[in-house]
């Protein structure tokens, strides 16, 4: 709810779960509340009503003194890069670690590593104005990822880039996601979202497009209980085959473990029986 516009909420009747390892698009036109939703996740704003739970913590109840520790677990990529013009690529990325007190040996290892990941291993000494727009955004991604956060928030990261460069950034984000990082990205580019071939869930003014479902990392409870039940039912219908496969795998695993335990018991009994016969024969021989 905007304080200056109490009758015009930024987000209303929104409910969503974002799971570890997921790649989620938040899609909507300008003013639909995309950036507001991301700011709720990073605790830049507090929800007027409802809950915002990140990694098991309710951000609506979190003390302000705890917020910096939360943000150490969240990487953020902005549309306008927000690079420091008087620092090199290496220094821009290392600055993020220096601010949270990481020791120099750790910085010297993690910064080159993440710059190689984003394809800028050869441009560590370059300054931002010596880079293309796509390269500057790669520096921004590297800075967001250098502390190895489990959650990456991207607010229109390709908004200022041409389509070819945007595709490169999306491939980079997809590779980061495949390595295990949860990615939440706001965009108005529906063509790019369609090209990523993600499942799309529409609700209210924003659209949530998601890939996989696991235990929730981010939960936004800004709607009613009935909608949550409806979503749960929809998720079950979409993933019944996956659930069935998981159940079969569990039963097979338990069956194999049972066979192993039974086999171990039989072998132990056989060994004990042999030892008893040897002992009896030894005494009898005497």
C-alpha atoms as a PDB file:
ATOM      1  CA  UNK A   1       0.000   0.000   0.000  1.00  0.00           C
ATOM      2  CA  UNK A   2       1.410   3.395  -0.983  1.00  0.00           C
ATOM      3  CA  UNK A   3       1.203   5.795   2.025  1.00  0.00           C
ATOM      4  CA  UNK A   4       0.334   8.685  -0.293  1.00  0.00           C
ATOM      5  CA  UNK A   5      -2.275   6.610  -2.181  1.00  0.00           C
ATOM      6  CA  UNK A   6      -4.056   4.399   0.367  1.00  0.00           C
ATOM      7  CA  UNK A   7      -6.856   3.632  -2.074  1.00  0.00           C
ATOM      8  CA  UNK A   8      -4.468   2.366  -4.758  1.00  0.00           C
ATOM      9  CA  UNK A   9      -2.427  -0.602  -3.488  1.00  0.00           C
ATOM     10  CA  UNK A  10       0.821  -1.495  -5.276  1.00  0.00           C
ATOM     11  CA  UNK A  11       0.003  -5.206  -4.877  1.00  0.00           C
ATOM     12  CA  UNK A  12      -3.341  -6.722  -3.983  1.00  0.00           C
ATOM     13  CA  UNK A  13      -4.618 -10.293  -3.693  1.00  0.00           C
ATOM     14  CA  UNK A  14      -1.253 -11.851  -4.637  1.00  0.00           C
ATOM     15  CA  UNK A  15      -0.213 -15.315  -3.460  1.00  0.00           C
ATOM     16  CA  UNK A  16       2.910 -17.124  -4.682  1.00  0.00           C
ATOM     17  CA  UNK A  17       5.481 -19.698  -3.608  1.00  0.00           C
ATOM     18  CA  UNK A  18       9.007 -19.639  -5.041  1.00  0.00           C
ATOM     19  CA  UNK A  19      11.009 -22.805  -4.477  1.00  0.00           C
ATOM     20  CA  UNK A  20      14.775 -23.492  -4.165  1.00  0.00           C
ATOM     21  CA  UNK A  21      16.324 -23.984  -7.573  1.00  0.00           C
ATOM     22  CA  UNK A  22      13.434 -22.332  -9.412  1.00  0.00           C
ATOM     23  CA  UNK A  23      13.676 -19.749 -12.199  1.00  0.00           C
ATOM     24  CA  UNK A  24      10.673 -17.428 -11.846  1.00  0.00           C
ATOM     25  CA  UNK A  25       9.627 -14.611 -14.147  1.00  0.00           C
ATOM     26  CA  UNK A  26       7.475 -11.780 -12.796  1.00  0.00           C
ATOM     27  CA  UNK A  27       5.852 -10.272 -15.875  1.00  0.00           C
ATOM     28  CA  UNK A  28       3.593  -7.254 -16.179  1.00  0.00           C
ATOM     29  CA  UNK A  29       3.205  -3.851 -17.753  1.00  0.00           C
ATOM     30  CA  UNK A  30       4.755  -0.723 -16.287  1.00  0.00           C
ATOM     31  CA  UNK A  31       3.164   0.083 -12.931  1.00  0.00           C
ATOM     32  CA  UNK A  32       1.788  -3.415 -12.373  1.00  0.00           C
ATOM     33  CA  UNK A  33       3.830  -3.941  -9.203  1.00  0.00           C
ATOM     34  CA  UNK A  34       6.800  -6.007 -10.446  1.00  0.00           C
ATOM     35  CA  UNK A  35       9.477  -3.949  -8.711  1.00  0.00           C
ATOM     36  CA  UNK A  36       7.330  -3.594  -5.601  1.00  0.00           C
ATOM     37  CA  UNK A  37       7.121  -7.368  -5.332  1.00  0.00           C
ATOM     38  CA  UNK A  38      10.911  -7.673  -5.586  1.00  0.00           C
ATOM     39  CA  UNK A  39      11.376  -4.965  -2.966  1.00  0.00           C
ATOM     40  CA  UNK A  40       9.166  -6.967  -0.611  1.00  0.00           C
ATOM     41  CA  UNK A  41      11.460  -9.978  -1.055  1.00  0.00           C
ATOM     42  CA  UNK A  42      14.600  -7.928  -0.297  1.00  0.00           C
ATOM     43  CA  UNK A  43      12.808  -6.129   2.560  1.00  0.00           C
ATOM     44  CA  UNK A  44      13.272  -2.702   1.006  1.00  0.00           C
ATOM     45  CA  UNK A  45       9.546  -2.374   1.633  1.00  0.00           C
ATOM     46  CA  UNK A  46       7.233  -3.992   4.186  1.00  0.00           C
ATOM     47  CA  UNK A  47       3.896  -5.486   3.257  1.00  0.00           C
ATOM     48  CA  UNK A  48       0.929  -3.585   4.693  1.00  0.00           C
ATOM     49  CA  UNK A  49      -0.990  -6.843   5.081  1.00  0.00           C
ATOM     50  CA  UNK A  50      -0.196 -10.532   4.712  1.00  0.00           C
ATOM     51  CA  UNK A  51       3.137 -12.331   4.960  1.00  0.00           C
ATOM     52  CA  UNK A  52       6.397 -12.380   3.027  1.00  0.00           C
ATOM     53  CA  UNK A  53       8.500 -15.370   4.064  1.00  0.00           C
ATOM     54  CA  UNK A  54      12.053 -15.757   2.747  1.00  0.00           C
ATOM     55  CA  UNK A  55      14.111 -18.798   3.781  1.00  0.00           C
ATOM     56  CA  UNK A  56      11.690 -19.474   6.622  1.00  0.00           C
ATOM     57  CA  UNK A  57      11.761 -15.904   7.987  1.00  0.00           C
ATOM     58  CA  UNK A  58       8.690 -13.683   8.019  1.00  0.00           C
ATOM     59  CA  UNK A  59       9.992 -10.339   6.727  1.00  0.00           C
ATOM     60  CA  UNK A  60       6.942  -8.482   8.003  1.00  0.00           C
ATOM     61  CA  UNK A  61       8.086  -9.306  11.543  1.00  0.00           C
ATOM     62  CA  UNK A  62      11.833  -9.006  10.993  1.00  0.00           C
ATOM     63  CA  UNK A  63      13.713  -6.372  12.984  1.00  0.00           C
ATOM     64  CA  UNK A  64      15.530  -3.726  10.962  1.00  0.00           C
ATOM     65  CA  UNK A  65      18.844  -4.795  12.535  1.00  0.00           C
ATOM     66  CA  UNK A  66      18.443  -8.257  10.964  1.00  0.00           C
ATOM     67  CA  UNK A  67      17.812  -6.995   7.424  1.00  0.00           C
ATOM     68  CA  UNK A  68      21.523  -6.608   6.426  1.00  0.00           C
ATOM     69  CA  UNK A  69      22.128 -10.262   7.335  1.00  0.00           C
ATOM     70  CA  UNK A  70      19.163 -11.298   5.181  1.00  0.00           C
ATOM     71  CA  UNK A  71      20.502  -9.341   2.214  1.00  0.00           C
ATOM     72  CA  UNK A  72      23.838 -11.129   2.414  1.00  0.00           C
ATOM     73  CA  UNK A  73      21.897 -14.190   1.251  1.00  0.00           C
ATOM     74  CA  UNK A  74      20.340 -12.325  -1.706  1.00  0.00           C
ATOM     75  CA  UNK A  75      22.123 -11.118  -4.835  1.00  0.00           C
ATOM     76  CA  UNK A  76      20.526  -8.232  -6.749  1.00  0.00           C
ATOM     77  CA  UNK A  77      20.938  -7.251 -10.412  1.00  0.00           C
ATOM     78  CA  UNK A  78      19.570  -3.879 -11.555  1.00  0.00           C
ATOM     79  CA  UNK A  79      18.537  -2.512 -14.925  1.00  0.00           C
ATOM     80  CA  UNK A  80      21.034   0.371 -14.742  1.00  0.00           C
ATOM     81  CA  UNK A  81      24.023  -1.742 -13.567  1.00  0.00           C
ATOM     82  CA  UNK A  82      24.928   0.584 -10.629  1.00  0.00           C
ATOM     83  CA  UNK A  83      28.679   0.114 -11.125  1.00  0.00           C
ATOM     84  CA  UNK A  84      31.237   2.407  -9.477  1.00  0.00           C
ATOM     85  CA  UNK A  85      32.833   4.368 -12.372  1.00  0.00           C
ATOM     86  CA  UNK A  86      36.173   4.976 -10.625  1.00  0.00           C
ATOM     87  CA  UNK A  87      36.766   1.285  -9.859  1.00  0.00           C
ATOM     88  CA  UNK A  88      37.907  -1.511 -12.153  1.00  0.00           C
ATOM     89  CA  UNK A  89      35.838  -4.591 -12.910  1.00  0.00           C
ATOM     90  CA  UNK A  90      37.771  -6.504 -10.240  1.00  0.00           C
ATOM     91  CA  UNK A  91      37.338  -3.718  -7.689  1.00  0.00           C
ATOM     92  CA  UNK A  92      33.603  -3.358  -8.370  1.00  0.00           C
ATOM     93  CA  UNK A  93      33.059  -7.034  -7.644  1.00  0.00           C
ATOM     94  CA  UNK A  94      35.474  -7.269  -4.703  1.00  0.00           C
ATOM     95  CA  UNK A  95      33.852  -4.217  -3.078  1.00  0.00           C
ATOM     96  CA  UNK A  96      30.742  -6.301  -2.375  1.00  0.00           C
ATOM     97  CA  UNK A  97      32.853  -8.720  -0.309  1.00  0.00           C
ATOM     98  CA  UNK A  98      34.850  -5.998   1.402  1.00  0.00           C
ATOM     99  CA  UNK A  99      31.628  -4.393   2.662  1.00  0.00           C
ATOM    100  CA  UNK A 100      30.671  -7.553   4.570  1.00  0.00           C
ATOM    101  CA  UNK A 101      34.160  -8.071   5.998  1.00  0.00           C
ATOM    102  CA  UNK A 102      35.412 -10.981   3.907  1.00  0.00           C
ATOM    103  CA  UNK A 103      39.176 -11.567   4.351  1.00  0.00           C
ATOM    104  CA  UNK A 104      41.509 -10.722   1.481  1.00  0.00           C
ATOM    105  CA  UNK A 105      42.480 -14.374   0.717  1.00  0.00           C
ATOM    106  CA  UNK A 106      38.790 -15.215   0.220  1.00  0.00           C
ATOM    107  CA  UNK A 107      38.307 -12.165  -2.018  1.00  0.00           C
ATOM    108  CA  UNK A 108      41.357 -13.064  -4.124  1.00  0.00           C
ATOM    109  CA  UNK A 109      39.866 -16.510  -4.759  1.00  0.00           C
ATOM    110  CA  UNK A 110      36.159 -15.738  -5.254  1.00  0.00           C
ATOM    111  CA  UNK A 111      36.393 -12.605  -7.437  1.00  0.00           C
ATOM    112  CA  UNK A 112      38.445 -14.123 -10.316  1.00  0.00           C
ATOM    113  CA  UNK A 113      36.311 -17.249 -10.083  1.00  0.00           C
ATOM    114  CA  UNK A 114      33.009 -15.416 -10.543  1.00  0.00           C
ATOM    115  CA  UNK A 115      34.413 -13.155 -13.280  1.00  0.00           C
ATOM    116  CA  UNK A 116      35.469 -16.225 -15.240  1.00  0.00           C
ATOM    117  CA  UNK A 117      31.950 -17.592 -14.734  1.00  0.00           C
ATOM    118  CA  UNK A 118      30.406 -14.544 -16.438  1.00  0.00           C
ATOM    119  CA  UNK A 119      33.025 -14.505 -19.204  1.00  0.00           C
ATOM    120  CA  UNK A 120      35.030 -11.482 -18.033  1.00  0.00           C
ATOM    121  CA  UNK A 121      38.195 -13.207 -16.815  1.00  0.00           C
ATOM    122  CA  UNK A 122      40.266 -11.182 -19.291  1.00  0.00           C
ATOM    123  CA  UNK A 123      38.813  -7.776 -18.359  1.00  0.00           C
ATOM    124  CA  UNK A 124      39.422  -7.572 -14.614  1.00  0.00           C
ATOM    125  CA  UNK A 125      41.478  -4.369 -14.919  1.00  0.00           C
ATOM    126  CA  UNK A 126      39.048  -2.559 -17.257  1.00  0.00           C
ATOM    127  CA  UNK A 127      36.839   0.310 -16.073  1.00  0.00           C
ATOM    128  CA  UNK A 128      33.050   0.415 -16.616  1.00  0.00           C
ATOM    129  CA  UNK A 129      33.257   3.047 -19.381  1.00  0.00           C
ATOM    130  CA  UNK A 130      35.573   0.720 -21.316  1.00  0.00           C
ATOM    131  CA  UNK A 131      32.912  -2.011 -21.429  1.00  0.00           C
ATOM    132  CA  UNK A 132      29.846  -2.557 -23.586  1.00  0.00           C
ATOM    133  CA  UNK A 133      26.381  -2.512 -22.032  1.00  0.00           C
ATOM    134  CA  UNK A 134      26.242  -6.311 -21.984  1.00  0.00           C
ATOM    135  CA  UNK A 135      29.655  -6.542 -20.329  1.00  0.00           C
ATOM    136  CA  UNK A 136      28.639  -4.005 -17.684  1.00  0.00           C
ATOM    137  CA  UNK A 137      25.559  -6.087 -16.893  1.00  0.00           C
ATOM    138  CA  UNK A 138      27.780  -9.169 -16.604  1.00  0.00           C
ATOM    139  CA  UNK A 139      29.849  -7.290 -14.021  1.00  0.00           C
ATOM    140  CA  UNK A 140      26.613  -6.533 -12.180  1.00  0.00           C
ATOM    141  CA  UNK A 141      25.701 -10.236 -12.236  1.00  0.00           C
ATOM    142  CA  UNK A 142      29.191 -11.159 -11.012  1.00  0.00           C
ATOM    143  CA  UNK A 143      28.916  -8.667  -8.146  1.00  0.00           C
ATOM    144  CA  UNK A 144      25.544 -10.119  -7.174  1.00  0.00           C
ATOM    145  CA  UNK A 145      26.871 -13.704  -7.261  1.00  0.00           C
ATOM    146  CA  UNK A 146      30.323 -13.263  -5.720  1.00  0.00           C
ATOM    147  CA  UNK A 147      29.088 -14.011  -2.189  1.00  0.00           C
ATOM    148  CA  UNK A 148      27.389 -17.162  -3.552  1.00  0.00           C
ATOM    149  CA  UNK A 149      23.837 -16.263  -2.445  1.00  0.00           C
ATOM    150  CA  UNK A 150      21.127 -18.916  -2.726  1.00  0.00           C
ATOM    151  CA  UNK A 151      18.695 -16.317  -4.146  1.00  0.00           C
ATOM    152  CA  UNK A 152      19.269 -13.931  -7.071  1.00  0.00           C
ATOM    153  CA  UNK A 153      16.825 -11.043  -7.664  1.00  0.00           C
ATOM    154  CA  UNK A 154      16.913  -9.404 -11.117  1.00  0.00           C
ATOM    155  CA  UNK A 155      14.913  -6.227 -11.762  1.00  0.00           C
ATOM    156  CA  UNK A 156      14.606  -5.728 -15.535  1.00  0.00           C
ATOM    157  CA  UNK A 157      18.272  -6.765 -16.114  1.00  0.00           C
ATOM    158  CA  UNK A 158      17.884  -6.668 -19.910  1.00  0.00           C
ATOM    159  CA  UNK A 159      15.755  -3.522 -20.099  1.00  0.00           C
ATOM    160  CA  UNK A 160      18.591  -1.335 -21.458  1.00  0.00           C
ATOM    161  CA  UNK A 161      20.127  -3.966 -23.754  1.00  0.00           C
ATOM    162  CA  UNK A 162      19.482  -4.917 -27.355  1.00  0.00           C
ATOM    163  CA  UNK A 163      17.952  -8.343 -28.074  1.00  0.00           C
ATOM    164  CA  UNK A 164      21.205 -10.117 -28.963  1.00  0.00           C
ATOM    165  CA  UNK A 165      22.960  -9.000 -25.773  1.00  0.00           C
ATOM    166  CA  UNK A 166      19.814  -9.706 -23.735  1.00  0.00           C
ATOM    167  CA  UNK A 167      19.902 -13.304 -24.960  1.00  0.00           C
ATOM    168  CA  UNK A 168      23.467 -13.650 -23.695  1.00  0.00           C
ATOM    169  CA  UNK A 169      22.468 -12.344 -20.252  1.00  0.00           C
ATOM    170  CA  UNK A 170      19.534 -14.750 -20.140  1.00  0.00           C
ATOM    171  CA  UNK A 171      21.780 -17.694 -20.998  1.00  0.00           C
ATOM    172  CA  UNK A 172      24.110 -16.623 -18.196  1.00  0.00           C
ATOM    173  CA  UNK A 173      21.240 -16.419 -15.691  1.00  0.00           C
ATOM    174  CA  UNK A 174      19.974 -19.802 -16.857  1.00  0.00           C
ATOM    175  CA  UNK A 175      23.431 -21.319 -16.297  1.00  0.00           C
ATOM    176  CA  UNK A 176      23.566 -19.805 -12.808  1.00  0.00           C
ATOM    177  CA  UNK A 177      20.116 -21.229 -12.086  1.00  0.00           C
ATOM    178  CA  UNK A 178      21.138 -24.701 -13.288  1.00  0.00           C
ATOM    179  CA  UNK A 179      24.009 -24.579 -10.784  1.00  0.00           C
ATOM    180  CA  UNK A 180      21.411 -24.371  -7.990  1.00  0.00           C
ATOM    181  CA  UNK A 181      20.720 -20.658  -7.455  1.00  0.00           C
ATOM    182  CA  UNK A 182      17.087 -19.558  -7.254  1.00  0.00           C
ATOM    183  CA  UNK A 183      16.454 -16.745  -9.756  1.00  0.00           C
ATOM    184  CA  UNK A 184      13.530 -14.300  -9.586  1.00  0.00           C
ATOM    185  CA  UNK A 185      13.408 -11.903 -12.525  1.00  0.00           C
ATOM    186  CA  UNK A 186      11.039  -9.038 -13.270  1.00  0.00           C
ATOM    187  CA  UNK A 187      10.536  -8.161 -16.933  1.00  0.00           C
ATOM    188  CA  UNK A 188       7.986  -6.744 -19.348  1.00  0.00           C
ATOM    189  CA  UNK A 189       9.504  -8.622 -22.310  1.00  0.00           C
ATOM    190  CA  UNK A 190       6.940 -11.351 -22.943  1.00  0.00           C
ATOM    191  CA  UNK A 191       8.745 -12.500 -26.089  1.00  0.00           C
ATOM    192  CA  UNK A 192      11.845 -13.320 -24.054  1.00  0.00           C
ATOM    193  CA  UNK A 193       9.746 -15.101 -21.427  1.00  0.00           C
ATOM    194  CA  UNK A 194       8.095 -17.190 -24.135  1.00  0.00           C
ATOM    195  CA  UNK A 195      11.488 -18.092 -25.601  1.00  0.00           C
ATOM    196  CA  UNK A 196      12.605 -19.437 -22.213  1.00  0.00           C
ATOM    197  CA  UNK A 197       9.680 -21.922 -22.346  1.00  0.00           C
ATOM    198  CA  UNK A 198       8.669 -21.674 -18.709  1.00  0.00           C
ATOM    199  CA  UNK A 199       5.278 -22.491 -17.267  1.00  0.00           C
ATOM    200  CA  UNK A 200       3.163 -19.349 -16.791  1.00  0.00           C
ATOM    201  CA  UNK A 201       0.771 -18.762 -13.898  1.00  0.00           C
ATOM    202  CA  UNK A 202      -1.426 -15.656 -14.170  1.00  0.00           C
ATOM    203  CA  UNK A 203      -2.849 -13.910 -11.130  1.00  0.00           C
ATOM    204  CA  UNK A 204      -4.039 -10.325 -10.844  1.00  0.00           C
ATOM    205  CA  UNK A 205      -1.846  -7.589 -12.289  1.00  0.00           C
ATOM    206  CA  UNK A 206       1.350  -9.646 -12.456  1.00  0.00           C
ATOM    207  CA  UNK A 207       2.168 -12.925 -14.122  1.00  0.00           C
ATOM    208  CA  UNK A 208       4.372 -15.522 -12.432  1.00  0.00           C
ATOM    209  CA  UNK A 209       6.217 -17.883 -14.763  1.00  0.00           C
ATOM    210  CA  UNK A 210       7.963 -20.774 -13.003  1.00  0.00           C
ATOM    211  CA  UNK A 211       9.898 -23.975 -13.728  1.00  0.00           C
ATOM    212  CA  UNK A 212      10.260 -26.397 -10.797  1.00  0.00           C
ATOM    213  CA  UNK A 213       8.381 -26.896  -7.498  1.00  0.00           C
ATOM    214  CA  UNK A 214      10.119 -27.752  -4.233  1.00  0.00           C
ATOM    215  CA  UNK A 215      10.016 -26.645  -0.594  1.00  0.00           C
ATOM    216  CA  UNK A 216       9.270 -22.928  -0.683  1.00  0.00           C
ATOM    217  CA  UNK A 217      12.164 -20.476  -0.387  1.00  0.00           C
ATOM    218  CA  UNK A 218       9.942 -17.429  -0.830  1.00  0.00           C
ATOM    219  CA  UNK A 219       6.277 -17.349   0.128  1.00  0.00           C
ATOM    220  CA  UNK A 220       4.060 -14.337  -0.487  1.00  0.00           C
ATOM    221  CA  UNK A 221       0.719 -14.586   1.285  1.00  0.00           C
ATOM    222  CA  UNK A 222      -1.303 -11.578   0.183  1.00  0.00           C
ATOM    223  CA  UNK A 223      -4.550 -13.352  -0.694  1.00  0.00           C
ATOM    224  CA  UNK A 224      -7.101 -15.667   0.840  1.00  0.00           C
ATOM    225  CA  UNK A 225      -6.905 -19.275   2.037  1.00  0.00           C
ATOM    226  CA  UNK A 226      -9.193 -20.549  -0.718  1.00  0.00           C
ATOM    227  CA  UNK A 227      -6.800 -19.379  -3.407  1.00  0.00           C
ATOM    228  CA  UNK A 228      -3.909 -21.146  -1.648  1.00  0.00           C
ATOM    229  CA  UNK A 229      -5.908 -24.408  -1.675  1.00  0.00           C
ATOM    230  CA  UNK A 230      -6.685 -23.918  -5.348  1.00  0.00           C
ATOM    231  CA  UNK A 231      -3.011 -23.384  -6.160  1.00  0.00           C
ATOM    232  CA  UNK A 232      -2.025 -26.449  -4.137  1.00  0.00           C
ATOM    233  CA  UNK A 233      -4.524 -28.549  -6.087  1.00  0.00           C
ATOM    234  CA  UNK A 234      -3.231 -27.184  -9.383  1.00  0.00           C
ATOM    235  CA  UNK A 235       0.357 -27.966  -8.422  1.00  0.00           C
ATOM    236  CA  UNK A 236      -0.613 -31.541  -7.519  1.00  0.00           C
ATOM    237  CA  UNK A 237      -2.371 -32.073 -10.854  1.00  0.00           C
ATOM    238  CA  UNK A 238       0.589 -30.739 -12.793  1.00  0.00           C
ATOM    239  CA  UNK A 239       3.114 -32.800 -10.877  1.00  0.00           C
ATOM    240  CA  UNK A 240       1.292 -36.091 -10.167  1.00  0.00           C
ATOM    241  CA  UNK A 241       3.687 -38.070 -12.381  1.00  0.00           C
ATOM    242  CA  UNK A 242       6.702 -36.604 -10.582  1.00  0.00           C
ATOM    243  CA  UNK A 243       5.127 -37.401  -7.205  1.00  0.00           C
ATOM    244  CA  UNK A 244       4.363 -40.984  -8.320  1.00  0.00           C
ATOM    245  CA  UNK A 245       7.942 -41.425  -9.496  1.00  0.00           C
ATOM    246  CA  UNK A 246       9.239 -40.140  -6.172  1.00  0.00           C
ATOM    247  CA  UNK A 247       7.010 -42.579  -4.241  1.00  0.00           C
ATOM    248  CA  UNK A 248       8.193 -45.523  -6.365  1.00  0.00           C
ATOM    249  CA  UNK A 249      11.814 -44.465  -5.853  1.00  0.00           C
ATOM    250  CA  UNK A 250      11.311 -44.280  -2.080  1.00  0.00           C
ATOM    251  CA  UNK A 251       9.755 -47.753  -1.933  1.00  0.00           C
ATOM    252  CA  UNK A 252      12.530 -49.214  -4.081  1.00  0.00           C
ATOM    253  CA  UNK A 253      15.155 -47.589  -1.862  1.00  0.00           C
ATOM    254  CA  UNK A 254      13.488 -48.985   1.277  1.00  0.00           C
ATOM    255  CA  UNK A 255      13.282 -52.441  -0.363  1.00  0.00           C
ATOM    256  CA  UNK A 256      17.007 -52.390  -1.228  1.00  0.00           C
ATOM    257  CA  UNK A 257      17.915 -51.202   2.275  1.00  0.00           C
ATOM    258  CA  UNK A 258      15.768 -53.992   3.735  1.00  0.00           C
ATOM    259  CA  UNK A 259      17.522 -56.588   1.580  1.00  0.00           C
ATOM    260  CA  UNK A 260      20.897 -55.218   2.670  1.00  0.00           C
ATOM    261  CA  UNK A 261      19.963 -55.393   6.351  1.00  0.00           C
ATOM    262  CA  UNK A 262      18.546 -58.937   5.952  1.00  0.00           C
ATOM    263  CA  UNK A 263      21.645 -60.061   4.079  1.00  0.00           C
ATOM    264  CA  UNK A 264      23.920 -58.588   6.740  1.00  0.00           C
ATOM    265  CA  UNK A 265      21.977 -60.402   9.479  1.00  0.00           C
ATOM    266  CA  UNK A 266      22.193 -63.736   7.628  1.00  0.00           C
ATOM    267  CA  UNK A 267      25.940 -63.366   7.097  1.00  0.00           C
ATOM    268  CA  UNK A 268      26.433 -62.462  10.758  1.00  0.00           C
ATOM    269  CA  UNK A 269      24.482 -65.552  11.830  1.00  0.00           C
ATOM    270  CA  UNK A 270      26.526 -67.762   9.503  1.00  0.00           C
ATOM    271  CA  UNK A 271      29.806 -66.361  10.839  1.00  0.00           C
ATOM    272  CA  UNK A 272      28.617 -66.846  14.429  1.00  0.00           C
ATOM    273  CA  UNK A 273      27.635 -70.439  13.680  1.00  0.00           C
ATOM    274  CA  UNK A 274      31.044 -71.215  12.173  1.00  0.00           C
ATOM    275  CA  UNK A 275      32.804 -69.677  15.186  1.00  0.00           C
ATOM    276  CA  UNK A 276      30.699 -71.840  17.543  1.00  0.00           C
ATOM    277  CA  UNK A 277      31.548 -75.026  15.638  1.00  0.00           C
ATOM    278  CA  UNK A 278      35.239 -74.190  15.642  1.00  0.00           C
ATOM    279  CA  UNK A 279      35.153 -73.571  19.404  1.00  0.00           C
ATOM    280  CA  UNK A 280      33.329 -76.823  20.122  1.00  0.00           C
ATOM    281  CA  UNK A 281      35.679 -78.832  17.907  1.00  0.00           C
ATOM    282  CA  UNK A 282      38.716 -77.290  19.559  1.00  0.00           C
ATOM    283  CA  UNK A 283      37.562 -78.283  23.034  1.00  0.00           C
ATOM    284  CA  UNK A 284      36.511 -81.721  21.862  1.00  0.00           C
ATOM    285  CA  UNK A 285      39.930 -82.321  20.310  1.00  0.00           C
ATOM    286  CA  UNK A 286      41.585 -81.595  23.649  1.00  0.00           C
END
